[in-house]
Amino acid sequence: MDNLIDKKGYLHCPQCGQRTEQRIRVDTLACQWPMYCSQCGQESMVNILDGKAELVVSTEKGGVL
C-alpha cells in the first residue's frame, strides 16, 4: 500500500495492512507519530502531511524505537 490512509480516512498498519482504529482527516499534521496496531502488535512511527502517511520507523512486539 503506497499510502497508509484509505479513502475513508482510516490509517492502515504498514506491516500487516489491517485497518487501525485511527482515523486521519485531510488537514491532519503529525511528525513522528507513534501508531500502534492492535491486530499484529507492531508499533510504527509515521509522518502525516496533506492526507498521506509515510512510515518512519517500525518495531517488533516489545521492541524499542
Protein backbone atom coordinates (compact mmCIF):
# COMPACT_ATOMS: atom_id res chain seq x y z
CA MET A 1 0.00 0.00 0.00
CA ASP A 2 1.60 3.26 -1.13
CA ASN A 3 -0.46 5.47 1.14
CA LEU A 4 -1.28 4.13 4.60
CA ILE A 5 -4.60 6.04 4.67
CA ASP A 6 -7.63 4.68 2.80
CA LYS A 7 -10.40 6.69 1.09
CA LYS A 8 -12.49 6.80 4.28
CA GLY A 9 -9.56 8.23 6.25
CA TYR A 10 -8.59 5.16 8.26
CA LEU A 11 -4.90 4.53 8.90
CA HIS A 12 -3.59 1.09 7.92
CA CYS A 13 -0.74 -0.80 9.57
CA PRO A 14 2.38 -0.73 7.36
CA GLN A 15 3.32 -4.25 8.50
CA CYS A 16 0.11 -6.31 8.25
CA GLY A 17 -2.04 -3.94 6.17
CA GLN A 18 -5.03 -4.18 8.53
CA ARG A 19 -7.12 -1.09 9.21
CA THR A 20 -6.44 0.50 12.60
CA GLU A 21 -8.91 2.45 14.74
CA GLN A 22 -7.19 5.77 13.97
CA ARG A 23 -8.98 7.99 11.51
CA ILE A 24 -6.97 10.75 9.85
CA ARG A 25 -8.51 13.94 8.48
CA VAL A 26 -7.17 15.64 5.35
CA ASP A 27 -5.88 18.60 7.39
CA THR A 28 -4.07 16.42 9.99
CA LEU A 29 -0.38 17.13 10.56
CA ALA A 30 1.83 14.80 12.62
CA CYS A 31 5.57 14.36 12.82
CA GLN A 32 6.96 11.05 14.11
CA TRP A 33 3.57 10.00 15.47
CA PRO A 34 3.62 6.59 17.23
CA MET A 35 0.82 4.40 15.88
CA TYR A 36 0.02 1.01 17.37
CA CYS A 37 -1.66 -1.86 15.52
CA SER A 38 -3.80 -3.98 17.84
CA GLN A 39 -4.00 -6.72 15.17
CA CYS A 40 -0.29 -7.56 14.90
CA GLY A 41 1.12 -5.72 17.93
CA GLN A 42 3.54 -3.62 15.87
CA GLU A 43 4.34 -0.04 16.76
CA SER A 44 5.37 2.28 13.93
CA MET A 45 6.36 5.92 13.69
CA VAL A 46 4.64 7.77 10.87
CA ASN A 47 4.66 11.28 9.46
CA ILE A 48 1.28 12.59 8.31
CA LEU A 49 1.05 15.51 5.88
CA ASP A 50 -1.58 16.52 3.30
CA GLY A 51 -3.72 13.42 3.90
CA LYS A 52 -0.84 10.99 3.34
CA ALA A 53 1.09 8.92 5.87
CA GLU A 54 4.73 7.95 5.47
CA LEU A 55 6.47 5.26 7.53
CA VAL A 56 9.49 6.48 9.52
CA VAL A 57 10.36 3.57 11.87
CA SER A 58 8.76 0.23 12.72
CA THR A 59 9.46 -2.14 15.62
CA GLU A 60 8.55 -5.71 16.53
CA LYS A 61 6.46 -6.62 19.58
CA GLY A 62 8.22 -5.46 22.71
CA GLY A 63 10.92 -3.71 20.72
CA VAL A 64 12.34 -0.30 21.46
CA LEU A 65 12.31 2.54 18.96
